[in-house]
């Protein structure tokens, strides 16, 4: 299998940057780990395979968080929404889970060879 692209998509970078701005503005949302990951995601470039797997593991655990309060209009975003966006938001979930599927397929193929 060809090399797997671990480049952070622009939409994921933008979501992480927005989350860092929301966290600064409101003073809540996420953890230090989430803030650190958002710094990495917002910076662009590539993650390691382990880092992409780490991102993908975040989303299933937090899919039930209050994601509807997005801060549109005059409302404050929820803590859960800010945290979700620190990890790249919906685009981060789609990207990281897609990459992990490719990594898993590659690893399975290598075991068989």
PDB file of N, CA and C in Angstrom:
ATOM      1  N   UNK A   1       0.856  -1.184   0.000  1.00  0.00           N
ATOM      2  CA  UNK A   1       0.000   0.000   0.000  1.00  0.00           C
ATOM      3  C   UNK A   1       0.893   1.235   0.000  1.00  0.00           C
ATOM      4  N   UNK A   2       0.507   2.231  -0.753  1.00  0.00           N
ATOM      5  CA  UNK A   2       1.280   3.462  -0.833  1.00  0.00           C
ATOM      6  C   UNK A   2       1.331   4.133   0.536  1.00  0.00           C
ATOM      7  N   UNK A   3       2.276   5.040   0.661  1.00  0.00           N
ATOM      8  CA  UNK A   3       2.361   5.789   1.915  1.00  0.00           C
ATOM      9  C   UNK A   3       1.026   6.456   2.217  1.00  0.00           C
ATOM     10  N   UNK A   4       0.677   6.470   3.482  1.00  0.00           N
ATOM     11  CA  UNK A   4      -0.590   7.054   3.919  1.00  0.00           C
ATOM     12  C   UNK A   4      -0.342   8.509   4.291  1.00  0.00           C
ATOM     13  N   UNK A   5      -1.151   9.381   3.728  1.00  0.00           N
ATOM     14  CA  UNK A   5      -1.006  10.818   3.949  1.00  0.00           C
ATOM     15  C   UNK A   5      -1.491  11.183   5.353  1.00  0.00           C
ATOM     16  N   UNK A   6      -0.603  11.723   6.151  1.00  0.00           N
ATOM     17  CA  UNK A   6      -0.917  12.131   7.519  1.00  0.00           C
ATOM     18  C   UNK A   6      -1.009  13.657   7.642  1.00  0.00           C
ATOM     19  N   UNK A   7      -1.133  14.329   6.493  1.00  0.00           N
ATOM     20  CA  UNK A   7      -1.236  15.794   6.479  1.00  0.00           C
ATOM     21  C   UNK A   7      -2.578  16.236   7.062  1.00  0.00           C
ATOM     22  N   UNK A   8      -2.527  17.282   7.856  1.00  0.00           N
ATOM     23  CA  UNK A   8      -3.729  17.812   8.500  1.00  0.00           C
ATOM     24  C   UNK A   8      -4.496  18.663   7.478  1.00  0.00           C
ATOM     25  N   UNK A   9      -5.744  18.307   7.187  1.00  0.00           N
ATOM     26  CA  UNK A   9      -6.525  19.093   6.226  1.00  0.00           C
ATOM     27  C   UNK A   9      -6.754  20.521   6.706  1.00  0.00           C
ATOM     28  N   UNK A  10      -6.904  21.428   5.748  1.00  0.00           N
ATOM     29  CA  UNK A  10      -7.113  22.853   6.065  1.00  0.00           C
ATOM     30  C   UNK A  10      -8.357  23.067   6.920  1.00  0.00           C
ATOM     31  N   UNK A  11      -9.433  22.298   6.662  1.00  0.00           N
ATOM     32  CA  UNK A  11     -10.661  22.474   7.454  1.00  0.00           C
ATOM     33  C   UNK A  11     -10.439  22.085   8.912  1.00  0.00           C
ATOM     34  N   UNK A  12      -9.634  21.062   9.132  1.00  0.00           N
ATOM     35  CA  UNK A  12      -9.312  20.627  10.495  1.00  0.00           C
ATOM     36  C   UNK A  12      -8.460  21.697  11.178  1.00  0.00           C
ATOM     37  N   UNK A  13      -7.516  22.242  10.445  1.00  0.00           N
ATOM     38  CA  UNK A  13      -6.687  23.327  10.984  1.00  0.00           C
ATOM     39  C   UNK A  13      -7.559  24.519  11.392  1.00  0.00           C
ATOM     40  N   UNK A  14      -8.489  24.882  10.518  1.00  0.00           N
ATOM     41  CA  UNK A  14      -9.360  26.039  10.786  1.00  0.00           C
ATOM     42  C   UNK A  14     -10.249  25.791  12.007  1.00  0.00           C
ATOM     43  N   UNK A  15     -10.783  24.580  12.147  1.00  0.00           N
ATOM     44  CA  UNK A  15     -11.623  24.265  13.307  1.00  0.00           C
ATOM     45  C   UNK A  15     -10.828  24.364  14.600  1.00  0.00           C
ATOM     46  N   UNK A  16      -9.611  23.834  14.605  1.00  0.00           N
ATOM     47  CA  UNK A  16      -8.780  23.885  15.806  1.00  0.00           C
ATOM     48  C   UNK A  16      -8.436  25.336  16.157  1.00  0.00           C
ATOM     49  N   UNK A  17      -8.130  26.122  15.148  1.00  0.00           N
ATOM     50  CA  UNK A  17      -7.811  27.541  15.376  1.00  0.00           C
ATOM     51  C   UNK A  17      -9.022  28.263  15.971  1.00  0.00           C
ATOM     52  N   UNK A  18     -10.202  28.003  15.417  1.00  0.00           N
ATOM     53  CA  UNK A  18     -11.429  28.629  15.934  1.00  0.00           C
ATOM     54  C   UNK A  18     -11.646  28.223  17.397  1.00  0.00           C
ATOM     55  N   UNK A  19     -11.416  26.955  17.707  1.00  0.00           N
ATOM     56  CA  UNK A  19     -11.612  26.473  19.080  1.00  0.00           C
ATOM     57  C   UNK A  19     -10.659  27.152  20.048  1.00  0.00           C
ATOM     58  N   UNK A  20      -9.423  27.344  19.633  1.00  0.00           N
ATOM     59  CA  UNK A  20      -8.465  28.038  20.495  1.00  0.00           C
ATOM     60  C   UNK A  20      -8.916  29.480  20.743  1.00  0.00           C
ATOM     61  N   UNK A  21      -9.468  30.113  19.713  1.00  0.00           N
ATOM     62  CA  UNK A  21      -9.990  31.474  19.877  1.00  0.00           C
ATOM     63  C   UNK A  21     -11.187  31.488  20.824  1.00  0.00           C
ATOM     64  N   UNK A  22     -12.090  30.506  20.679  1.00  0.00           N
ATOM     65  CA  UNK A  22     -13.254  30.424  21.577  1.00  0.00           C
ATOM     66  C   UNK A  22     -12.814  30.168  23.013  1.00  0.00           C
ATOM     67  N   UNK A  23     -11.836  29.298  23.182  1.00  0.00           N
ATOM     68  CA  UNK A  23     -11.332  28.981  24.517  1.00  0.00           C
ATOM     69  C   UNK A  23     -10.733  30.227  25.159  1.00  0.00           C
ATOM     70  N   UNK A  24      -9.990  31.006  24.362  1.00  0.00           N
ATOM     71  CA  UNK A  24      -9.416  32.252  24.884  1.00  0.00           C
ATOM     72  C   UNK A  24     -10.515  33.253  25.244  1.00  0.00           C
ATOM     73  N   UNK A  25     -11.531  33.341  24.380  1.00  0.00           N
ATOM     74  CA  UNK A  25     -12.608  34.317  24.592  1.00  0.00           C
ATOM     75  C   UNK A  25     -13.463  33.980  25.807  1.00  0.00           C
ATOM     76  N   UNK A  26     -13.845  32.709  25.950  1.00  0.00           N
ATOM     77  CA  UNK A  26     -14.784  32.317  27.006  1.00  0.00           C
ATOM     78  C   UNK A  26     -14.120  31.704  28.235  1.00  0.00           C
ATOM     79  N   UNK A  27     -12.876  31.251  28.095  1.00  0.00           N
ATOM     80  CA  UNK A  27     -12.159  30.700  29.238  1.00  0.00           C
ATOM     81  C   UNK A  27     -12.579  29.295  29.626  1.00  0.00           C
ATOM     82  N   UNK A  28     -13.189  28.563  28.692  1.00  0.00           N
ATOM     83  CA  UNK A  28     -13.584  27.181  29.000  1.00  0.00           C
ATOM     84  C   UNK A  28     -13.574  26.325  27.744  1.00  0.00           C
ATOM     85  N   UNK A  29     -13.713  25.026  27.998  1.00  0.00           N
ATOM     86  CA  UNK A  29     -13.810  24.051  26.917  1.00  0.00           C
ATOM     87  C   UNK A  29     -12.529  23.258  26.770  1.00  0.00           C
ATOM     88  N   UNK A  30     -12.671  21.953  26.884  1.00  0.00           N
ATOM     89  CA  UNK A  30     -11.520  21.082  26.670  1.00  0.00           C
ATOM     90  C   UNK A  30     -10.578  21.036  27.853  1.00  0.00           C
ATOM     91  N   UNK A  31      -9.488  20.343  27.625  1.00  0.00           N
ATOM     92  CA  UNK A  31      -8.457  20.131  28.637  1.00  0.00           C
ATOM     93  C   UNK A  31      -7.125  20.648  28.094  1.00  0.00           C
ATOM     94  N   UNK A  32      -6.090  20.558  28.920  1.00  0.00           N
ATOM     95  CA  UNK A  32      -4.756  20.925  28.435  1.00  0.00           C
ATOM     96  C   UNK A  32      -4.332  20.010  27.293  1.00  0.00           C
ATOM     97  N   UNK A  33      -4.716  18.741  27.365  1.00  0.00           N
ATOM     98  CA  UNK A  33      -4.390  17.801  26.292  1.00  0.00           C
ATOM     99  C   UNK A  33      -5.080  18.237  24.993  1.00  0.00           C
ATOM    100  N   UNK A  34      -6.357  18.602  25.092  1.00  0.00           N
ATOM    101  CA  UNK A  34      -7.084  19.079  23.924  1.00  0.00           C
ATOM    102  C   UNK A  34      -6.500  20.365  23.367  1.00  0.00           C
ATOM    103  N   UNK A  35      -6.100  21.256  24.265  1.00  0.00           N
ATOM    104  CA  UNK A  35      -5.495  22.519  23.826  1.00  0.00           C
ATOM    105  C   UNK A  35      -4.173  22.250  23.104  1.00  0.00           C
ATOM    106  N   UNK A  36      -3.383  21.342  23.637  1.00  0.00           N
ATOM    107  CA  UNK A  36      -2.116  20.981  22.995  1.00  0.00           C
ATOM    108  C   UNK A  36      -2.366  20.384  21.606  1.00  0.00           C
ATOM    109  N   UNK A  37      -3.369  19.494  21.505  1.00  0.00           N
ATOM    110  CA  UNK A  37      -3.676  18.896  20.206  1.00  0.00           C
ATOM    111  C   UNK A  37      -4.160  19.961  19.229  1.00  0.00           C
ATOM    112  N   UNK A  38      -4.975  20.903  19.722  1.00  0.00           N
ATOM    113  CA  UNK A  38      -5.453  21.978  18.856  1.00  0.00           C
ATOM    114  C   UNK A  38      -4.285  22.818  18.336  1.00  0.00           C
ATOM    115  N   UNK A  39      -3.304  23.071  19.179  1.00  0.00           N
ATOM    116  CA  UNK A  39      -2.117  23.804  18.727  1.00  0.00           C
ATOM    117  C   UNK A  39      -1.434  23.055  17.582  1.00  0.00           C
ATOM    118  N   UNK A  40      -1.308  21.737  17.737  1.00  0.00           N
ATOM    119  CA  UNK A  40      -0.697  20.925  16.680  1.00  0.00           C
ATOM    120  C   UNK A  40      -1.532  20.955  15.404  1.00  0.00           C
ATOM    121  N   UNK A  41      -2.840  20.742  15.555  1.00  0.00           N
ATOM    122  CA  UNK A  41      -3.724  20.711  14.387  1.00  0.00           C
ATOM    123  C   UNK A  41      -3.754  22.060  13.680  1.00  0.00           C
ATOM    124  N   UNK A  42      -3.869  23.137  14.446  1.00  0.00           N
ATOM    125  CA  UNK A  42      -3.949  24.472  13.856  1.00  0.00           C
ATOM    126  C   UNK A  42      -2.665  24.842  13.126  1.00  0.00           C
ATOM    127  N   UNK A  43      -1.553  24.277  13.586  1.00  0.00           N
ATOM    128  CA  UNK A  43      -0.264  24.574  12.980  1.00  0.00           C
ATOM    129  C   UNK A  43      -0.044  23.931  11.627  1.00  0.00           C
ATOM    130  N   UNK A  44      -0.886  22.972  11.279  1.00  0.00           N
ATOM    131  CA  UNK A  44      -0.753  22.296   9.998  1.00  0.00           C
ATOM    132  C   UNK A  44       0.386  21.292   9.999  1.00  0.00           C
ATOM    133  N   UNK A  45       0.781  20.898   8.811  1.00  0.00           N
ATOM    134  CA  UNK A  45       1.828  19.891   8.688  1.00  0.00           C
ATOM    135  C   UNK A  45       1.240  18.498   8.793  1.00  0.00           C
ATOM    136  N   UNK A  46       1.986  17.620   9.423  1.00  0.00           N
ATOM    137  CA  UNK A  46       1.558  16.232   9.573  1.00  0.00           C
ATOM    138  C   UNK A  46       1.589  15.823  11.039  1.00  0.00           C
ATOM    139  N   UNK A  47       0.762  14.834  11.356  1.00  0.00           N
ATOM    140  CA  UNK A  47       0.851  14.172  12.649  1.00  0.00           C
ATOM    141  C   UNK A  47       1.548  12.832  12.446  1.00  0.00           C
ATOM    142  N   UNK A  48       1.979  12.234  13.536  1.00  0.00           N
ATOM    143  CA  UNK A  48       2.489  10.863  13.456  1.00  0.00           C
ATOM    144  C   UNK A  48       1.291   9.910  13.397  1.00  0.00           C
ATOM    145  N   UNK A  49       1.544   8.667  13.061  1.00  0.00           N
ATOM    146  CA  UNK A  49       0.459   7.680  13.057  1.00  0.00           C
ATOM    147  C   UNK A  49      -0.177   7.575  14.437  1.00  0.00           C
ATOM    148  N   UNK A  50       0.636   7.550  15.483  1.00  0.00           N
ATOM    149  CA  UNK A  50       0.099   7.460  16.848  1.00  0.00           C
ATOM    150  C   UNK A  50      -0.760   8.674  17.198  1.00  0.00           C
ATOM    151  N   UNK A  51      -0.345   9.851  16.750  1.00  0.00           N
ATOM    152  CA  UNK A  51      -1.129  11.058  17.030  1.00  0.00           C
ATOM    153  C   UNK A  51      -2.476  11.030  16.310  1.00  0.00           C
ATOM    154  N   UNK A  52      -2.495  10.559  15.064  1.00  0.00           N
ATOM    155  CA  UNK A  52      -3.766  10.462  14.339  1.00  0.00           C
ATOM    156  C   UNK A  52      -4.680   9.467  15.045  1.00  0.00           C
ATOM    157  N   UNK A  53      -4.133   8.351  15.501  1.00  0.00           N
ATOM    158  CA  UNK A  53      -4.940   7.371  16.244  1.00  0.00           C
ATOM    159  C   UNK A  53      -5.487   7.995  17.538  1.00  0.00           C
ATOM    160  N   UNK A  54      -4.686   8.813  18.186  1.00  0.00           N
ATOM    161  CA  UNK A  54      -5.098   9.492  19.415  1.00  0.00           C
ATOM    162  C   UNK A  54      -6.275  10.435  19.131  1.00  0.00           C
ATOM    163  N   UNK A  55      -6.187  11.192  18.045  1.00  0.00           N
ATOM    164  CA  UNK A  55      -7.276  12.088  17.657  1.00  0.00           C
ATOM    165  C   UNK A  55      -8.547  11.280  17.421  1.00  0.00           C
ATOM    166  N   UNK A  56      -8.432  10.199  16.664  1.00  0.00           N
ATOM    167  CA  UNK A  56      -9.610   9.388  16.317  1.00  0.00           C
ATOM    168  C   UNK A  56     -10.271   8.790  17.557  1.00  0.00           C
ATOM    169  N   UNK A  57      -9.494   8.487  18.578  1.00  0.00           N
ATOM    170  CA  UNK A  57     -10.058   7.898  19.806  1.00  0.00           C
ATOM    171  C   UNK A  57     -10.881   8.902  20.602  1.00  0.00           C
ATOM    172  N   UNK A  58     -10.627  10.186  20.411  1.00  0.00           N
ATOM    173  CA  UNK A  58     -11.358  11.216  21.159  1.00  0.00           C
ATOM    174  C   UNK A  58     -12.855  11.199  20.821  1.00  0.00           C
ATOM    175  N   UNK A  59     -13.174  11.129  19.543  1.00  0.00           N
ATOM    176  CA  UNK A  59     -14.537  11.400  19.081  1.00  0.00           C
ATOM    177  C   UNK A  59     -15.604  10.423  19.577  1.00  0.00           C
ATOM    178  N   UNK A  60     -15.402   9.115  19.530  1.00  0.00           N
ATOM    179  CA  UNK A  60     -16.470   8.234  20.024  1.00  0.00           C
ATOM    180  C   UNK A  60     -16.797   8.458  21.504  1.00  0.00           C
ATOM    181  N   UNK A  61     -15.785   8.830  22.281  1.00  0.00           N
ATOM    182  CA  UNK A  61     -16.001   9.049  23.717  1.00  0.00           C
ATOM    183  C   UNK A  61     -16.806  10.314  23.997  1.00  0.00           C
ATOM    184  N   UNK A  62     -16.779  11.267  23.074  1.00  0.00           N
ATOM    185  CA  UNK A  62     -17.382  12.574  23.349  1.00  0.00           C
ATOM    186  C   UNK A  62     -18.506  12.952  22.386  1.00  0.00           C
ATOM    187  N   UNK A  63     -18.976  12.006  21.605  1.00  0.00           N
ATOM    188  CA  UNK A  63     -20.022  12.301  20.617  1.00  0.00           C
ATOM    189  C   UNK A  63     -21.322  12.761  21.271  1.00  0.00           C
ATOM    190  N   UNK A  64     -21.543  12.417  22.528  1.00  0.00           N
ATOM    191  CA  UNK A  64     -22.761  12.816  23.218  1.00  0.00           C
ATOM    192  C   UNK A  64     -22.676  14.154  23.926  1.00  0.00           C
ATOM    193  N   UNK A  65     -21.498  14.792  23.876  1.00  0.00           N
ATOM    194  CA  UNK A  65     -21.351  16.086  24.530  1.00  0.00           C
ATOM    195  C   UNK A  65     -22.278  17.108  23.871  1.00  0.00           C
ATOM    196  N   UNK A  66     -22.559  18.174  24.579  1.00  0.00           N
ATOM    197  CA  UNK A  66     -23.503  19.186  24.092  1.00  0.00           C
ATOM    198  C   UNK A  66     -22.895  19.943  22.911  1.00  0.00           C
ATOM    199  N   UNK A  67     -23.121  19.421  21.700  1.00  0.00           N
ATOM    200  CA  UNK A  67     -22.512  19.986  20.503  1.00  0.00           C
ATOM    201  C   UNK A  67     -23.434  20.950  19.767  1.00  0.00           C
ATOM    202  N   UNK A  68     -24.678  21.094  20.235  1.00  0.00           N
ATOM    203  CA  UNK A  68     -25.640  21.949  19.534  1.00  0.00           C
ATOM    204  C   UNK A  68     -25.437  23.434  19.816  1.00  0.00           C
ATOM    205  N   UNK A  69     -24.869  23.756  20.969  1.00  0.00           N
ATOM    206  CA  UNK A  69     -24.652  25.156  21.324  1.00  0.00           C
ATOM    207  C   UNK A  69     -23.305  25.594  20.749  1.00  0.00           C
ATOM    208  N   UNK A  70     -23.346  26.118  19.522  1.00  0.00           N
ATOM    209  CA  UNK A  70     -22.130  26.384  18.765  1.00  0.00           C
ATOM    210  C   UNK A  70     -21.628  27.820  18.875  1.00  0.00           C
ATOM    211  N   UNK A  71     -22.365  28.661  19.595  1.00  0.00           N
ATOM    212  CA  UNK A  71     -21.949  30.049  19.708  1.00  0.00           C
ATOM    213  C   UNK A  71     -22.424  30.909  18.551  1.00  0.00           C
ATOM    214  N   UNK A  72     -23.357  30.401  17.770  1.00  0.00           N
ATOM    215  CA  UNK A  72     -23.904  31.201  16.672  1.00  0.00           C
ATOM    216  C   UNK A  72     -24.718  32.353  17.252  1.00  0.00           C
ATOM    217  N   UNK A  73     -24.711  33.454  16.553  1.00  0.00           N
ATOM    218  CA  UNK A  73     -25.444  34.611  17.057  1.00  0.00           C
ATOM    219  C   UNK A  73     -24.810  35.114  18.334  1.00  0.00           C
ATOM    220  N   UNK A  74     -25.632  35.374  19.334  1.00  0.00           N
ATOM    221  CA  UNK A  74     -25.128  35.907  20.601  1.00  0.00           C
ATOM    222  C   UNK A  74     -24.938  34.842  21.674  1.00  0.00           C
ATOM    223  N   UNK A  75     -25.265  33.577  21.359  1.00  0.00           N
ATOM    224  CA  UNK A  75     -25.162  32.541  22.399  1.00  0.00           C
ATOM    225  C   UNK A  75     -23.715  32.124  22.607  1.00  0.00           C
ATOM    226  N   UNK A  76     -23.437  31.721  23.826  1.00  0.00           N
ATOM    227  CA  UNK A  76     -22.128  31.161  24.142  1.00  0.00           C
ATOM    228  C   UNK A  76     -22.080  29.732  23.598  1.00  0.00           C
ATOM    229  N   UNK A  77     -20.914  29.292  23.151  1.00  0.00           N
ATOM    230  CA  UNK A  77     -20.795  27.880  22.779  1.00  0.00           C
ATOM    231  C   UNK A  77     -20.758  27.033  24.049  1.00  0.00           C
ATOM    232  N   UNK A  78     -21.135  25.776  23.936  1.00  0.00           N
ATOM    233  CA  UNK A  78     -21.048  24.881  25.088  1.00  0.00           C
ATOM    234  C   UNK A  78     -19.593  24.469  25.308  1.00  0.00           C
ATOM    235  N   UNK A  79     -19.304  24.012  26.504  1.00  0.00           N
ATOM    236  CA  UNK A  79     -17.975  23.479  26.811  1.00  0.00           C
ATOM    237  C   UNK A  79     -17.653  22.325  25.869  1.00  0.00           C
ATOM    238  N   UNK A  80     -18.665  21.465  25.635  1.00  0.00           N
ATOM    239  CA  UNK A  80     -18.466  20.305  24.768  1.00  0.00           C
ATOM    240  C   UNK A  80     -18.157  20.689  23.332  1.00  0.00           C
ATOM    241  N   UNK A  81     -18.821  21.745  22.840  1.00  0.00           N
ATOM    242  CA  UNK A  81     -18.562  22.181  21.469  1.00  0.00           C
ATOM    243  C   UNK A  81     -17.131  22.686  21.330  1.00  0.00           C
ATOM    244  N   UNK A  82     -16.673  23.492  22.274  1.00  0.00           N
ATOM    245  CA  UNK A  82     -15.304  24.006  22.212  1.00  0.00           C
ATOM    246  C   UNK A  82     -14.319  22.840  22.252  1.00  0.00           C
ATOM    247  N   UNK A  83     -14.546  21.893  23.153  1.00  0.00           N
ATOM    248  CA  UNK A  83     -13.656  20.739  23.251  1.00  0.00           C
ATOM    249  C   UNK A  83     -13.631  19.940  21.946  1.00  0.00           C
ATOM    250  N   UNK A  84     -14.819  19.696  21.369  1.00  0.00           N
ATOM    251  CA  UNK A  84     -14.939  18.951  20.112  1.00  0.00           C
ATOM    252  C   UNK A  84     -14.126  19.627  19.009  1.00  0.00           C
ATOM    253  N   UNK A  85     -14.241  20.943  18.947  1.00  0.00           N
ATOM    254  CA  UNK A  85     -13.532  21.687  17.915  1.00  0.00           C
ATOM    255  C   UNK A  85     -12.019  21.716  18.139  1.00  0.00           C
ATOM    256  N   UNK A  86     -11.587  21.617  19.404  1.00  0.00           N
ATOM    257  CA  UNK A  86     -10.149  21.548  19.671  1.00  0.00           C
ATOM    258  C   UNK A  86      -9.519  20.353  18.958  1.00  0.00           C
ATOM    259  N   UNK A  87     -10.295  19.294  18.803  1.00  0.00           N
ATOM    260  CA  UNK A  87      -9.809  18.073  18.159  1.00  0.00           C
ATOM    261  C   UNK A  87     -10.110  18.063  16.656  1.00  0.00           C
ATOM    262  N   UNK A  88     -10.550  19.184  16.113  1.00  0.00           N
ATOM    263  CA  UNK A  88     -10.762  19.300  14.678  1.00  0.00           C
ATOM    264  C   UNK A  88     -12.213  19.258  14.247  1.00  0.00           C
ATOM    265  N   UNK A  89     -13.133  19.111  15.208  1.00  0.00           N
ATOM    266  CA  UNK A  89     -14.555  19.104  14.879  1.00  0.00           C
ATOM    267  C   UNK A  89     -14.965  17.904  14.038  1.00  0.00           C
ATOM    268  N   UNK A  90     -16.108  18.024  13.388  1.00  0.00           N
ATOM    269  CA  UNK A  90     -16.617  16.919  12.566  1.00  0.00           C
ATOM    270  C   UNK A  90     -15.622  16.535  11.477  1.00  0.00           C
ATOM    271  N   UNK A  91     -14.955  17.547  10.913  1.00  0.00           N
ATOM    272  CA  UNK A  91     -13.962  17.271   9.871  1.00  0.00           C
ATOM    273  C   UNK A  91     -12.766  16.511  10.435  1.00  0.00           C
ATOM    274  N   UNK A  92     -12.403  16.835  11.672  1.00  0.00           N
ATOM    275  CA  UNK A  92     -11.311  16.109  12.329  1.00  0.00           C
ATOM    276  C   UNK A  92     -11.663  14.651  12.561  1.00  0.00           C
ATOM    277  N   UNK A  93     -12.921  14.427  12.915  1.00  0.00           N
ATOM    278  CA  UNK A  93     -13.369  13.052  13.121  1.00  0.00           C
ATOM    279  C   UNK A  93     -13.326  12.261  11.808  1.00  0.00           C
ATOM    280  N   UNK A  94     -13.892  12.842  10.764  1.00  0.00           N
ATOM    281  CA  UNK A  94     -13.930  12.156   9.471  1.00  0.00           C
ATOM    282  C   UNK A  94     -12.503  11.868   8.979  1.00  0.00           C
ATOM    283  N   UNK A  95     -11.637  12.856   9.065  1.00  0.00           N
ATOM    284  CA  UNK A  95     -10.260  12.704   8.593  1.00  0.00           C
ATOM    285  C   UNK A  95      -9.514  11.643   9.408  1.00  0.00           C
ATOM    286  N   UNK A  96      -9.515  11.783  10.737  1.00  0.00           N
ATOM    287  CA  UNK A  96      -8.720  10.882  11.577  1.00  0.00           C
ATOM    288  C   UNK A  96      -9.220   9.447  11.491  1.00  0.00           C
ATOM    289  N   UNK A  97     -10.536   9.260  11.498  1.00  0.00           N
ATOM    290  CA  UNK A  97     -11.073   7.901  11.412  1.00  0.00           C
ATOM    291  C   UNK A  97     -10.784   7.284  10.039  1.00  0.00           C
ATOM    292  N   UNK A  98     -10.804   8.101   8.989  1.00  0.00           N
ATOM    293  CA  UNK A  98     -10.462   7.604   7.658  1.00  0.00           C
ATOM    294  C   UNK A  98      -9.007   7.167   7.573  1.00  0.00           C
ATOM    295  N   UNK A  99      -8.115   7.963   8.152  1.00  0.00           N
ATOM    296  CA  UNK A  99      -6.695   7.621   8.156  1.00  0.00           C
ATOM    297  C   UNK A  99      -6.470   6.352   8.967  1.00  0.00           C
ATOM    298  N   UNK A 100      -7.122   6.231  10.119  1.00  0.00           N
ATOM    299  CA  UNK A 100      -6.949   5.042  10.957  1.00  0.00           C
ATOM    300  C   UNK A 100      -7.405   3.786  10.215  1.00  0.00           C
ATOM    301  N   UNK A 101      -8.486   3.870   9.457  1.00  0.00           N
ATOM    302  CA  UNK A 101      -8.924   2.713   8.666  1.00  0.00           C
ATOM    303  C   UNK A 101      -7.844   2.291   7.685  1.00  0.00           C
ATOM    304  N   UNK A 102      -7.223   3.258   7.027  1.00  0.00           N
ATOM    305  CA  UNK A 102      -6.146   2.949   6.088  1.00  0.00           C
ATOM    306  C   UNK A 102      -4.946   2.335   6.812  1.00  0.00           C
ATOM    307  N   UNK A 103      -4.609   2.887   7.979  1.00  0.00           N
ATOM    308  CA  UNK A 103      -3.498   2.347   8.760  1.00  0.00           C
ATOM    309  C   UNK A 103      -3.780   0.907   9.186  1.00  0.00           C
ATOM    310  N   UNK A 104      -5.003   0.662   9.634  1.00  0.00           N
ATOM    311  CA  UNK A 104      -5.372  -0.685  10.074  1.00  0.00           C
ATOM    312  C   UNK A 104      -5.322  -1.677   8.926  1.00  0.00           C
ATOM    313  N   UNK A 105      -5.815  -1.274   7.742  1.00  0.00           N
ATOM    314  CA  UNK A 105      -5.757  -2.158   6.569  1.00  0.00           C
ATOM    315  C   UNK A 105      -4.308  -2.470   6.202  1.00  0.00           C
ATOM    316  N   UNK A 106      -3.468  -1.451   6.223  1.00  0.00           N
ATOM    317  CA  UNK A 106      -2.046  -1.659   5.929  1.00  0.00           C
ATOM    318  C   UNK A 106      -1.423  -2.617   6.933  1.00  0.00           C
ATOM    319  N   UNK A 107      -1.713  -2.418   8.216  1.00  0.00           N
ATOM    320  CA  UNK A 107      -1.135  -3.271   9.256  1.00  0.00           C
ATOM    321  C   UNK A 107      -1.595  -4.716   9.107  1.00  0.00           C
ATOM    322  N   UNK A 108      -2.868  -4.915   8.785  1.00  0.00           N
ATOM    323  CA  UNK A 108      -3.385  -6.269   8.573  1.00  0.00           C
ATOM    324  C   UNK A 108      -2.721  -6.934   7.378  1.00  0.00           C
ATOM    325  N   UNK A 109      -2.522  -6.175   6.322  1.00  0.00           N
ATOM    326  CA  UNK A 109      -1.892  -6.710   5.122  1.00  0.00           C
ATOM    327  C   UNK A 109      -0.444  -7.115   5.444  1.00  0.00           C
ATOM    328  N   UNK A 110       0.251  -6.290   6.213  1.00  0.00           N
ATOM    329  CA  UNK A 110       1.643  -6.588   6.567  1.00  0.00           C
ATOM    330  C   UNK A 110       1.730  -7.842   7.429  1.00  0.00           C
ATOM    331  N   UNK A 111       0.750  -8.078   8.293  1.00  0.00           N
ATOM    332  CA  UNK A 111       0.739  -9.289   9.115  1.00  0.00           C
ATOM    333  C   UNK A 111       0.613 -10.537   8.268  1.00  0.00           C
ATOM    334  N   UNK A 112      -0.164 -10.430   7.190  1.00  0.00           N
ATOM    335  CA  UNK A 112      -0.400 -11.587   6.319  1.00  0.00           C
ATOM    336  C   UNK A 112       0.788 -11.870   5.405  1.00  0.00           C
ATOM    337  N   UNK A 113       1.531 -10.822   5.067  1.00  0.00           N
ATOM    338  CA  UNK A 113       2.668 -11.001   4.140  1.00  0.00           C
ATOM    339  C   UNK A 113       3.865 -11.633   4.789  1.00  0.00           C
TER     340      UNK A 113
END
